[in-house]
Amino acid sequence: MSARKVVLKVADDVSTDIIYPGRFMATVLPAETPMFAFADNPDFNKRLKSGEIPKGSAIVAGNNFGCGSSREQAVSCLKGYDLLIVARNISRIFLQSAINLGLNIVICPEIEATEGDELEVDGGKVYNRTTGKSFATNPLPKARQAIIDAGGLIPYTRKLVLAQRPSKK
């Protein structure tokens, strides 16, 4: 995987209300939810919407990232920018939504990084190219990672169904 720049570092217990504020819950379409990502952090939100933050950039988080409500929009708004989430751990409900929607996530209990650092994820480790340190990850089970790699549960299921169809001769 190529290097990804850390564009935001957040602390522990970042709730879905911080990621996607509840006042925008009427907007549910994945094509529209990204405009409200971190809406209460106006500088970061503006940088996302303007394209100043390249797709594929990384957010580094502490423990319990995505805690709070089960709103799927908190995942879809991040997926819309193709962000990588590297967190010490992720709340259970957010983790399942991330898998279902194909959001790139890495659980890295000892991650040390700051905004501006370059991270590379490879072979069960996160390498901080800026500091020269590496950190072990807690890989997801292969089946869950396969769903993320396919782009989410719907594309994964579609791929399986199509693979099981008899070929026309």
N, C-alpha and C. Protein backbone atom coordinates (compact mmCIF):
# COMPACT_ATOMS: atom_id res chain seq x y z
N MET A 1 0.85 -1.18 0.00
CA MET A 1 0.00 0.00 0.00
C MET A 1 0.90 1.24 0.00
N SER A 2 0.52 2.22 -0.73
CA SER A 2 1.31 3.45 -0.79
C SER A 2 1.14 4.26 0.50
N ALA A 3 2.04 5.20 0.68
CA ALA A 3 2.01 6.03 1.89
C ALA A 3 0.77 6.92 1.89
N ARG A 4 0.25 7.12 3.08
CA ARG A 4 -0.92 7.96 3.27
C ARG A 4 -0.59 9.01 4.31
N LYS A 5 -0.92 10.23 3.99
CA LYS A 5 -0.64 11.34 4.90
C LYS A 5 -1.72 11.44 5.96
N VAL A 6 -1.30 11.63 7.21
CA VAL A 6 -2.24 11.83 8.30
C VAL A 6 -2.76 13.27 8.21
N VAL A 7 -4.06 13.39 8.00
CA VAL A 7 -4.66 14.72 7.85
C VAL A 7 -5.44 15.16 9.08
N LEU A 8 -5.67 14.22 10.00
CA LEU A 8 -6.38 14.55 11.24
C LEU A 8 -6.00 13.51 12.28
N LYS A 9 -5.72 13.99 13.48
CA LYS A 9 -5.51 13.09 14.60
C LYS A 9 -6.55 13.45 15.65
N VAL A 10 -7.27 12.44 16.11
CA VAL A 10 -8.30 12.64 17.11
C VAL A 10 -8.02 11.77 18.33
N ALA A 11 -8.62 12.13 19.44
CA ALA A 11 -8.37 11.46 20.72
C ALA A 11 -9.27 10.23 20.87
N ASP A 12 -9.39 9.77 22.08
CA ASP A 12 -10.27 8.65 22.41
C ASP A 12 -11.73 9.08 22.35
N ASP A 13 -12.59 8.10 22.20
CA ASP A 13 -14.04 8.27 22.31
C ASP A 13 -14.62 9.30 21.35
N VAL A 14 -14.16 9.29 20.11
CA VAL A 14 -14.76 10.15 19.09
C VAL A 14 -16.05 9.49 18.64
N SER A 15 -17.16 10.15 18.95
CA SER A 15 -18.47 9.56 18.70
C SER A 15 -18.93 9.81 17.26
N THR A 16 -19.95 9.05 16.89
CA THR A 16 -20.53 9.23 15.56
C THR A 16 -21.13 10.63 15.43
N ASP A 17 -21.50 11.26 16.53
CA ASP A 17 -22.04 12.62 16.48
C ASP A 17 -20.95 13.63 16.12
N ILE A 18 -19.71 13.33 16.46
CA ILE A 18 -18.60 14.19 16.05
C ILE A 18 -18.27 13.96 14.58
N ILE A 19 -18.31 12.71 14.17
CA ILE A 19 -18.00 12.36 12.78
C ILE A 19 -19.09 12.86 11.85
N TYR A 20 -20.34 12.64 12.23
CA TYR A 20 -21.49 13.02 11.42
C TYR A 20 -22.59 13.52 12.36
N PRO A 21 -22.65 14.84 12.61
CA PRO A 21 -23.61 15.39 13.58
C PRO A 21 -25.06 15.00 13.29
N GLY A 22 -25.78 14.71 14.37
CA GLY A 22 -27.16 14.24 14.28
C GLY A 22 -28.10 15.18 13.55
N ARG A 23 -27.81 16.46 13.54
CA ARG A 23 -28.72 17.40 12.88
C ARG A 23 -28.77 17.20 11.37
N PHE A 24 -27.85 16.39 10.83
CA PHE A 24 -27.85 16.11 9.39
C PHE A 24 -28.41 14.74 9.05
N MET A 25 -29.06 14.10 10.02
CA MET A 25 -29.54 12.73 9.81
C MET A 25 -30.58 12.61 8.70
N ALA A 26 -31.21 13.69 8.30
CA ALA A 26 -32.16 13.61 7.20
C ALA A 26 -31.46 13.32 5.88
N THR A 27 -30.16 13.57 5.83
CA THR A 27 -29.37 13.28 4.62
C THR A 27 -28.79 11.89 4.78
N VAL A 28 -29.24 10.97 3.94
CA VAL A 28 -28.79 9.59 4.09
C VAL A 28 -28.10 9.04 2.85
N LEU A 29 -28.19 9.73 1.74
CA LEU A 29 -27.58 9.20 0.52
C LEU A 29 -26.06 9.26 0.61
N PRO A 30 -25.38 8.13 0.35
CA PRO A 30 -23.92 8.12 0.43
C PRO A 30 -23.24 9.18 -0.45
N ALA A 31 -23.90 9.60 -1.50
CA ALA A 31 -23.32 10.64 -2.36
C ALA A 31 -23.39 12.02 -1.70
N GLU A 32 -24.29 12.18 -0.73
CA GLU A 32 -24.48 13.48 -0.08
C GLU A 32 -23.88 13.56 1.32
N THR A 33 -23.72 12.43 2.02
CA THR A 33 -23.25 12.47 3.40
C THR A 33 -21.84 13.04 3.56
N PRO A 34 -20.93 12.88 2.60
CA PRO A 34 -19.57 13.40 2.81
C PRO A 34 -19.51 14.89 3.13
N MET A 35 -20.44 15.67 2.63
CA MET A 35 -20.36 17.11 2.87
C MET A 35 -20.51 17.47 4.35
N PHE A 36 -20.98 16.52 5.15
CA PHE A 36 -21.18 16.79 6.58
C PHE A 36 -20.14 16.11 7.47
N ALA A 37 -19.11 15.51 6.89
CA ALA A 37 -18.07 14.85 7.68
C ALA A 37 -17.39 15.87 8.59
N PHE A 38 -17.37 15.59 9.86
CA PHE A 38 -16.75 16.47 10.85
C PHE A 38 -17.23 17.92 10.69
N ALA A 39 -18.53 18.08 10.50
CA ALA A 39 -19.12 19.41 10.25
C ALA A 39 -18.85 20.40 11.37
N ASP A 40 -18.67 19.91 12.58
CA ASP A 40 -18.41 20.82 13.70
C ASP A 40 -16.93 21.16 13.86
N ASN A 41 -16.13 20.68 12.95
CA ASN A 41 -14.73 21.07 12.83
C ASN A 41 -14.64 21.80 11.48
N PRO A 42 -15.06 23.08 11.44
CA PRO A 42 -15.25 23.77 10.16
C PRO A 42 -14.00 23.81 9.28
N ASP A 43 -12.83 23.93 9.86
CA ASP A 43 -11.62 23.98 9.05
C ASP A 43 -11.39 22.64 8.34
N PHE A 44 -11.48 21.56 9.07
CA PHE A 44 -11.27 20.24 8.47
C PHE A 44 -12.36 19.93 7.45
N ASN A 45 -13.61 20.22 7.80
CA ASN A 45 -14.72 19.99 6.88
C ASN A 45 -14.54 20.76 5.58
N LYS A 46 -14.11 22.01 5.69
CA LYS A 46 -13.89 22.84 4.50
C LYS A 46 -12.76 22.26 3.63
N ARG A 47 -11.70 21.80 4.28
CA ARG A 47 -10.58 21.21 3.54
C ARG A 47 -11.00 19.93 2.82
N LEU A 48 -11.86 19.15 3.46
CA LEU A 48 -12.39 17.94 2.80
C LEU A 48 -13.22 18.32 1.58
N LYS A 49 -14.19 19.22 1.79
CA LYS A 49 -15.11 19.58 0.70
C LYS A 49 -14.42 20.27 -0.46
N SER A 50 -13.36 21.03 -0.19
CA SER A 50 -12.67 21.75 -1.25
C SER A 50 -11.73 20.86 -2.06
N GLY A 51 -11.49 19.64 -1.56
CA GLY A 51 -10.56 18.75 -2.24
C GLY A 51 -9.12 18.98 -1.84
N GLU A 52 -8.90 19.87 -0.87
CA GLU A 52 -7.54 20.13 -0.39
C GLU A 52 -6.93 18.86 0.22
N ILE A 53 -7.78 18.04 0.81
CA ILE A 53 -7.32 16.77 1.39
C ILE A 53 -7.51 15.69 0.33
N PRO A 54 -6.41 15.11 -0.12
CA PRO A 54 -6.52 14.10 -1.19
C PRO A 54 -7.25 12.84 -0.71
N LYS A 55 -7.98 12.21 -1.63
CA LYS A 55 -8.59 10.92 -1.33
C LYS A 55 -7.48 9.97 -0.91
N GLY A 56 -7.82 9.09 0.02
CA GLY A 56 -6.85 8.13 0.49
C GLY A 56 -6.03 8.60 1.67
N SER A 57 -6.26 9.81 2.14
CA SER A 57 -5.54 10.32 3.30
C SER A 57 -5.97 9.55 4.55
N ALA A 58 -5.24 9.73 5.64
CA ALA A 58 -5.50 8.96 6.86
C ALA A 58 -5.95 9.84 8.02
N ILE A 59 -6.83 9.27 8.82
CA ILE A 59 -7.21 9.82 10.11
C ILE A 59 -6.67 8.85 11.15
N VAL A 60 -5.96 9.37 12.14
CA VAL A 60 -5.45 8.54 13.23
C VAL A 60 -6.29 8.84 14.47
N ALA A 61 -6.75 7.76 15.10
CA ALA A 61 -7.65 7.91 16.25
C ALA A 61 -7.16 7.09 17.43
N GLY A 62 -7.64 7.49 18.58
CA GLY A 62 -7.33 6.77 19.81
C GLY A 62 -8.24 5.57 19.98
N ASN A 63 -8.66 5.34 21.20
CA ASN A 63 -9.54 4.21 21.54
C ASN A 63 -11.00 4.55 21.31
N ASN A 64 -11.77 3.53 20.98
CA ASN A 64 -13.23 3.63 20.90
C ASN A 64 -13.71 4.57 19.81
N PHE A 65 -13.02 4.60 18.68
CA PHE A 65 -13.42 5.46 17.57
C PHE A 65 -14.77 5.02 17.05
N GLY A 66 -15.68 5.97 16.86
CA GLY A 66 -17.00 5.69 16.32
C GLY A 66 -18.01 5.23 17.35
N CYS A 67 -17.75 5.53 18.63
CA CYS A 67 -18.70 5.15 19.67
C CYS A 67 -19.98 5.97 19.51
N GLY A 68 -20.99 5.60 20.26
CA GLY A 68 -22.23 6.36 20.21
C GLY A 68 -23.29 5.64 19.41
N SER A 69 -24.04 6.40 18.65
CA SER A 69 -25.17 5.82 17.93
C SER A 69 -24.71 4.96 16.76
N SER A 70 -25.64 4.24 16.22
CA SER A 70 -25.32 3.31 15.14
C SER A 70 -25.50 3.94 13.75
N ARG A 71 -25.45 5.25 13.66
CA ARG A 71 -25.70 5.90 12.37
C ARG A 71 -24.67 5.49 11.32
N GLU A 72 -25.16 4.92 10.27
CA GLU A 72 -24.31 4.47 9.16
C GLU A 72 -23.69 5.65 8.42
N GLN A 73 -24.32 6.81 8.50
CA GLN A 73 -23.81 8.00 7.82
C GLN A 73 -22.41 8.37 8.30
N ALA A 74 -22.08 8.05 9.55
CA ALA A 74 -20.74 8.35 10.07
C ALA A 74 -19.68 7.58 9.30
N VAL A 75 -20.04 6.44 8.79
CA VAL A 75 -19.11 5.66 7.97
C VAL A 75 -19.16 6.14 6.52
N SER A 76 -20.36 6.31 5.99
CA SER A 76 -20.47 6.68 4.57
C SER A 76 -19.85 8.04 4.28
N CYS A 77 -19.89 8.96 5.25
CA CYS A 77 -19.29 10.28 4.99
C CYS A 77 -17.78 10.18 4.88
N LEU A 78 -17.16 9.27 5.63
CA LEU A 78 -15.70 9.06 5.54
C LEU A 78 -15.35 8.27 4.29
N LYS A 79 -16.17 7.29 3.97
CA LYS A 79 -15.96 6.48 2.76
C LYS A 79 -16.01 7.37 1.52
N GLY A 80 -16.83 8.39 1.56
CA GLY A 80 -16.95 9.29 0.41
C GLY A 80 -15.65 10.00 0.06
N TYR A 81 -14.76 10.11 1.01
CA TYR A 81 -13.45 10.72 0.76
C TYR A 81 -12.35 9.67 0.68
N ASP A 82 -12.75 8.39 0.68
CA ASP A 82 -11.80 7.28 0.60
C ASP A 82 -10.73 7.39 1.67
N LEU A 83 -11.15 7.79 2.88
CA LEU A 83 -10.20 7.96 3.98
C LEU A 83 -9.84 6.60 4.59
N LEU A 84 -8.63 6.51 5.08
CA LEU A 84 -8.16 5.36 5.85
C LEU A 84 -8.26 5.75 7.32
N ILE A 85 -8.87 4.90 8.12
CA ILE A 85 -8.95 5.14 9.56
C ILE A 85 -7.98 4.18 10.24
N VAL A 86 -7.01 4.75 10.94
CA VAL A 86 -6.07 3.95 11.73
C VAL A 86 -6.36 4.31 13.18
N ALA A 87 -6.89 3.35 13.93
CA ALA A 87 -7.31 3.62 15.30
C ALA A 87 -6.75 2.58 16.25
N ARG A 88 -6.58 3.00 17.49
CA ARG A 88 -6.13 2.05 18.53
C ARG A 88 -7.18 0.95 18.70
N ASN A 89 -8.45 1.32 18.67
CA ASN A 89 -9.54 0.36 18.53
C ASN A 89 -10.79 1.11 18.09
N ILE A 90 -11.75 0.35 17.62
CA ILE A 90 -12.94 0.92 17.00
C ILE A 90 -14.15 0.32 17.69
N SER A 91 -15.16 1.15 17.93
CA SER A 91 -16.37 0.63 18.58
C SER A 91 -16.99 -0.46 17.72
N ARG A 92 -17.67 -1.38 18.38
CA ARG A 92 -18.21 -2.57 17.72
C ARG A 92 -19.19 -2.22 16.59
N ILE A 93 -20.11 -1.32 16.86
CA ILE A 93 -21.12 -0.99 15.84
C ILE A 93 -20.49 -0.25 14.67
N PHE A 94 -19.59 0.69 14.95
CA PHE A 94 -18.92 1.41 13.87
C PHE A 94 -18.09 0.44 13.04
N LEU A 95 -17.42 -0.49 13.69
CA LEU A 95 -16.61 -1.48 12.97
C LEU A 95 -17.47 -2.28 12.00
N GLN A 96 -18.63 -2.74 12.45
CA GLN A 96 -19.48 -3.53 11.55
C GLN A 96 -20.00 -2.67 10.40
N SER A 97 -20.35 -1.42 10.67
CA SER A 97 -20.79 -0.54 9.58
C SER A 97 -19.65 -0.28 8.60
N ALA A 98 -18.44 -0.12 9.12
CA ALA A 98 -17.28 0.10 8.25
C ALA A 98 -17.06 -1.10 7.34
N ILE A 99 -17.20 -2.28 7.87
CA ILE A 99 -17.05 -3.49 7.05
C ILE A 99 -18.16 -3.52 6.00
N ASN A 100 -19.40 -3.31 6.42
CA ASN A 100 -20.54 -3.37 5.50
C ASN A 100 -20.42 -2.39 4.36
N LEU A 101 -19.85 -1.20 4.63
CA LEU A 101 -19.75 -0.17 3.59
C LEU A 101 -18.39 -0.15 2.89
N GLY A 102 -17.44 -0.94 3.37
CA GLY A 102 -16.14 -1.02 2.72
C GLY A 102 -15.20 0.13 3.05
N LEU A 103 -15.33 0.69 4.25
CA LEU A 103 -14.41 1.76 4.69
C LEU A 103 -13.08 1.14 5.09
N ASN A 104 -11.99 1.67 4.60
CA ASN A 104 -10.67 1.15 4.94
C ASN A 104 -10.34 1.50 6.39
N ILE A 105 -10.16 0.46 7.20
CA ILE A 105 -9.85 0.63 8.61
C ILE A 105 -8.68 -0.26 8.99
N VAL A 106 -7.88 0.22 9.92
CA VAL A 106 -6.78 -0.56 10.46
C VAL A 106 -6.80 -0.37 11.97
N ILE A 107 -6.81 -1.48 12.69
CA ILE A 107 -6.76 -1.42 14.14
C ILE A 107 -5.30 -1.61 14.54
N CYS A 108 -4.77 -0.58 15.17
CA CYS A 108 -3.34 -0.55 15.52
C CYS A 108 -3.21 -0.02 16.95
N PRO A 109 -3.23 -0.93 17.95
CA PRO A 109 -3.31 -0.52 19.35
C PRO A 109 -2.20 0.40 19.84
N GLU A 110 -1.04 0.39 19.22
CA GLU A 110 0.09 1.20 19.70
C GLU A 110 0.45 2.35 18.76
N ILE A 111 -0.41 2.67 17.82
CA ILE A 111 -0.07 3.67 16.80
C ILE A 111 0.38 4.99 17.43
N GLU A 112 1.44 5.52 16.88
CA GLU A 112 1.94 6.85 17.25
C GLU A 112 2.13 7.61 15.95
N ALA A 113 1.35 8.67 15.80
CA ALA A 113 1.46 9.50 14.60
C ALA A 113 0.82 10.85 14.88
N THR A 114 1.27 11.84 14.16
CA THR A 114 0.70 13.17 14.27
C THR A 114 0.31 13.64 12.87
N GLU A 115 -0.44 14.71 12.82
CA GLU A 115 -0.84 15.26 11.53
C GLU A 115 0.40 15.60 10.72
N GLY A 116 0.36 15.22 9.46
CA GLY A 116 1.48 15.45 8.56
C GLY A 116 2.37 14.24 8.38
N ASP A 117 2.30 13.27 9.31
CA ASP A 117 3.12 12.06 9.16
C ASP A 117 2.65 11.25 7.96
N GLU A 118 3.57 10.48 7.41
CA GLU A 118 3.26 9.57 6.30
C GLU A 118 3.21 8.16 6.85
N LEU A 119 2.10 7.47 6.63
CA LEU A 119 1.92 6.11 7.11
C LEU A 119 1.83 5.15 5.93
N GLU A 120 2.36 3.96 6.16
CA GLU A 120 2.24 2.89 5.18
C GLU A 120 1.76 1.65 5.93
N VAL A 121 0.75 0.99 5.38
CA VAL A 121 0.21 -0.23 5.98
C VAL A 121 0.64 -1.39 5.10
N ASP A 122 1.34 -2.35 5.71
CA ASP A 122 1.83 -3.48 4.92
C ASP A 122 2.16 -4.65 5.85
N GLY A 123 1.70 -5.82 5.47
CA GLY A 123 2.07 -7.03 6.16
C GLY A 123 1.79 -7.06 7.65
N GLY A 124 0.64 -6.57 8.07
CA GLY A 124 0.29 -6.60 9.48
C GLY A 124 0.98 -5.55 10.32
N LYS A 125 1.54 -4.54 9.68
CA LYS A 125 2.20 -3.45 10.40
C LYS A 125 1.81 -2.11 9.79
N VAL A 126 1.87 -1.10 10.62
CA VAL A 126 1.77 0.28 10.14
C VAL A 126 3.15 0.88 10.33
N TYR A 127 3.71 1.38 9.24
CA TYR A 127 5.01 2.03 9.28
C TYR A 127 4.80 3.54 9.24
N ASN A 128 5.33 4.22 10.23
CA ASN A 128 5.31 5.68 10.21
C ASN A 128 6.61 6.09 9.53
N ARG A 129 6.51 6.42 8.25
CA ARG A 129 7.70 6.77 7.48
C ARG A 129 8.36 8.05 7.97
N THR A 130 7.60 8.89 8.64
CA THR A 130 8.13 10.15 9.15
C THR A 130 9.04 9.92 10.36
N THR A 131 8.61 9.03 11.26
CA THR A 131 9.39 8.79 12.49
C THR A 131 10.29 7.56 12.39
N GLY A 132 10.03 6.70 11.40
CA GLY A 132 10.80 5.47 11.27
C GLY A 132 10.32 4.34 12.17
N LYS A 133 9.25 4.55 12.91
CA LYS A 133 8.74 3.51 13.81
C LYS A 133 7.70 2.65 13.09
N SER A 134 7.56 1.41 13.58
CA SER A 134 6.52 0.53 13.04
C SER A 134 5.69 -0.02 14.20
N PHE A 135 4.45 -0.35 13.89
CA PHE A 135 3.48 -0.77 14.90
C PHE A 135 2.67 -1.94 14.37
N ALA A 136 2.52 -2.96 15.20
CA ALA A 136 1.73 -4.13 14.82
C ALA A 136 0.25 -3.77 14.77
N THR A 137 -0.45 -4.43 13.86
CA THR A 137 -1.89 -4.24 13.75
C THR A 137 -2.60 -5.47 14.28
N ASN A 138 -3.88 -5.31 14.55
CA ASN A 138 -4.76 -6.43 14.86
C ASN A 138 -5.57 -6.69 13.61
N PRO A 139 -5.12 -7.61 12.77
CA PRO A 139 -5.83 -7.82 11.51
C PRO A 139 -7.26 -8.30 11.73
N LEU A 140 -8.11 -7.89 10.83
CA LEU A 140 -9.48 -8.37 10.86
C LEU A 140 -9.49 -9.81 10.36
N PRO A 141 -10.51 -10.58 10.74
CA PRO A 141 -10.64 -11.91 10.16
C PRO A 141 -10.70 -11.81 8.62
N LYS A 142 -10.16 -12.82 7.96
CA LYS A 142 -10.07 -12.78 6.49
C LYS A 142 -11.41 -12.50 5.81
N ALA A 143 -12.48 -13.08 6.31
CA ALA A 143 -13.80 -12.86 5.70
C ALA A 143 -14.23 -11.41 5.79
N ARG A 144 -13.96 -10.78 6.93
CA ARG A 144 -14.34 -9.36 7.09
C ARG A 144 -13.46 -8.48 6.21
N GLN A 145 -12.17 -8.78 6.13
CA GLN A 145 -11.28 -7.99 5.28
C GLN A 145 -11.66 -8.14 3.82
N ALA A 146 -12.10 -9.34 3.43
CA ALA A 146 -12.51 -9.57 2.04
C ALA A 146 -13.71 -8.69 1.69
N ILE A 147 -14.61 -8.47 2.64
CA ILE A 147 -15.77 -7.60 2.39
C ILE A 147 -15.30 -6.17 2.18
N ILE A 148 -14.40 -5.69 3.04
CA ILE A 148 -13.86 -4.34 2.87
C ILE A 148 -13.16 -4.22 1.52
N ASP A 149 -12.32 -5.19 1.20
CA ASP A 149 -11.57 -5.15 -0.05
C ASP A 149 -12.47 -5.14 -1.28
N ALA A 150 -13.64 -5.75 -1.16
CA ALA A 150 -14.60 -5.77 -2.27
C ALA A 150 -15.36 -4.45 -2.39
N GLY A 151 -15.24 -3.58 -1.38
CA GLY A 151 -15.95 -2.30 -1.41
C GLY A 151 -17.19 -2.29 -0.55
N GLY A 152 -17.41 -3.36 0.21
CA GLY A 152 -18.56 -3.42 1.10
C GLY A 152 -19.34 -4.70 0.90
N LEU A 153 -20.36 -4.88 1.72
CA LEU A 153 -21.14 -6.11 1.72
C LEU A 153 -21.92 -6.33 0.42
N ILE A 154 -22.49 -5.27 -0.12
CA ILE A 154 -23.26 -5.43 -1.36
C ILE A 154 -22.36 -5.84 -2.52
N PRO A 155 -21.25 -5.12 -2.79
CA PRO A 155 -20.37 -5.58 -3.87
C PRO A 155 -19.79 -6.97 -3.62
N TYR A 156 -19.49 -7.29 -2.37
CA TYR A 156 -18.95 -8.61 -2.03
C TYR A 156 -19.97 -9.69 -2.35
N THR A 157 -21.21 -9.48 -1.93
CA THR A 157 -22.27 -10.46 -2.18
C THR A 157 -22.55 -10.59 -3.67
N ARG A 158 -22.58 -9.46 -4.36
CA ARG A 158 -22.79 -9.48 -5.81
C ARG A 158 -21.71 -10.32 -6.49
N LYS A 159 -20.48 -10.14 -6.08
CA LYS A 159 -19.36 -10.89 -6.65
C LYS A 159 -19.53 -12.40 -6.40
N LEU A 160 -19.94 -12.77 -5.18
CA LEU A 160 -20.16 -14.18 -4.87
C LEU A 160 -21.29 -14.78 -5.70
N VAL A 161 -22.38 -14.04 -5.82
CA VAL A 161 -23.53 -14.53 -6.58
C VAL A 161 -23.14 -14.72 -8.04
N LEU A 162 -22.46 -13.73 -8.60
CA LEU A 162 -22.05 -13.85 -10.01
C LEU A 162 -21.07 -15.00 -10.23
N ALA A 163 -20.22 -15.25 -9.27
CA ALA A 163 -19.25 -16.35 -9.38
C ALA A 163 -19.94 -17.71 -9.33
N GLN A 164 -21.11 -17.78 -8.70
CA GLN A 164 -21.81 -19.06 -8.58
C GLN A 164 -22.75 -19.34 -9.75
N ARG A 165 -22.97 -18.35 -10.59
CA ARG A 165 -23.84 -18.57 -11.75
C ARG A 165 -23.16 -19.50 -12.74
N PRO A 166 -23.93 -20.40 -13.31
CA PRO A 166 -23.34 -21.26 -14.32
C PRO A 166 -22.99 -20.43 -15.56
N SER A 167 -21.87 -20.77 -16.15
CA SER A 167 -21.47 -20.01 -17.35
C SER A 167 -22.30 -20.46 -18.54
N LYS A 168 -22.58 -19.52 -19.42
CA LYS A 168 -23.35 -19.81 -20.64
C LYS A 168 -22.38 -20.32 -21.70
N LYS A 169 -22.78 -21.41 -22.34
CA LYS A 169 -21.91 -21.98 -23.39
C LYS A 169 -22.55 -21.89 -24.72
